[in-house]
Amino acid sequence: MITPQEIKDLIEAGLPGAQARVSGDGHHFEAVVRSAAFAGKSRIQQHQLVYAALGDRMREQIHALSLKTELPSYT
């Protein structure tokens, strides 16, 4: 069973510079991902970047992922 920490690590490795917060119970997960790579991309394209970082685990180990993507705030 995949853990929230493993999902966080996969996202951050697949999207260099990204920051992810992931919670979940082993079957259902929630993730908030902040990355400059999302700039100029639609919400669908942003989610596709996260799914690509997770690879086959999206089909095999992660059964439900609620995903929120954000751009970094530079204040």
Protein backbone atom coordinates (compact mmCIF):
# COMPACT_ATOMS: atom_id res chain seq x y z
CA MET A 1 0.00 0.00 0.00
CA ILE A 2 1.33 3.42 -0.96
CA THR A 3 1.65 6.10 1.72
CA PRO A 4 1.01 9.85 1.58
CA GLN A 5 4.77 10.41 2.07
CA GLU A 6 5.58 8.22 -0.95
CA ILE A 7 3.11 10.17 -3.08
CA LYS A 8 4.62 13.46 -1.87
CA ASP A 9 8.11 12.21 -2.72
CA LEU A 10 7.05 11.05 -6.20
CA ILE A 11 5.40 14.37 -7.00
CA GLU A 12 8.35 16.42 -5.78
CA ALA A 13 10.83 14.21 -7.65
CA GLY A 14 8.77 14.39 -10.86
CA LEU A 15 8.25 18.15 -10.64
CA PRO A 16 11.56 19.66 -9.52
CA GLY A 17 11.00 22.65 -7.25
CA ALA A 18 7.44 21.62 -6.44
CA GLN A 19 6.09 21.52 -2.91
CA ALA A 20 3.40 18.96 -2.12
CA ARG A 21 1.21 18.31 0.89
CA VAL A 22 -0.46 14.91 0.80
CA SER A 23 -2.82 13.24 3.24
CA GLY A 24 -4.84 10.07 3.00
CA ASP A 25 -5.77 6.70 4.40
CA GLY A 26 -3.98 4.38 1.97
CA HIS A 27 -6.86 4.30 -0.52
CA HIS A 28 -8.10 7.88 -0.83
CA PHE A 29 -5.69 10.79 -0.93
CA GLU A 30 -5.76 14.58 -1.03
CA ALA A 31 -2.85 16.57 -2.45
CA VAL A 32 -2.06 20.24 -2.75
CA VAL A 33 0.82 20.85 -5.13
CA ARG A 34 2.55 24.19 -5.61
CA SER A 35 4.91 24.54 -8.59
CA ALA A 36 6.25 27.23 -10.89
CA ALA A 37 5.94 24.61 -13.67
CA PHE A 38 2.18 25.32 -13.64
CA ALA A 39 2.64 28.88 -14.95
CA GLY A 40 0.76 29.46 -18.20
CA LYS A 41 -0.91 26.05 -18.09
CA SER A 42 -4.59 25.23 -17.78
CA ARG A 43 -5.82 23.42 -14.68
CA ILE A 44 -6.09 20.22 -16.76
CA GLN A 45 -2.49 20.57 -17.95
CA GLN A 46 -1.35 21.19 -14.37
CA HIS A 47 -3.09 18.03 -13.19
CA GLN A 48 -1.59 16.08 -16.09
CA LEU A 49 1.89 17.11 -14.93
CA VAL A 50 1.15 15.71 -11.46
CA TYR A 51 -0.32 12.50 -12.91
CA ALA A 52 2.79 12.09 -15.08
CA ALA A 53 4.97 12.40 -11.97
CA LEU A 54 2.95 9.61 -10.34
CA GLY A 55 3.16 7.41 -13.44
CA ASP A 56 1.65 3.93 -13.28
CA ARG A 57 0.93 4.30 -9.58
CA MET A 58 -2.11 6.39 -10.56
CA ARG A 59 -3.66 3.30 -12.09
CA GLU A 60 -2.22 0.60 -9.86
CA GLN A 61 -1.90 1.94 -6.31
CA ILE A 62 -3.75 5.24 -6.03
CA HIS A 63 -7.47 4.69 -6.34
CA ALA A 64 -8.69 8.18 -5.54
CA LEU A 65 -6.76 11.45 -5.57
CA SER A 66 -8.30 14.83 -4.87
CA LEU A 67 -5.85 17.29 -6.39
CA LYS A 68 -5.42 21.03 -6.01
CA THR A 69 -2.65 22.81 -7.93
CA GLU A 70 -1.28 26.27 -7.20
CA LEU A 71 1.40 28.63 -8.38
CA PRO A 72 3.94 29.77 -5.80
CA SER A 73 3.23 33.17 -4.28
CA TYR A 74 6.17 35.52 -4.34
CA THR A 75 5.33 38.15 -1.78
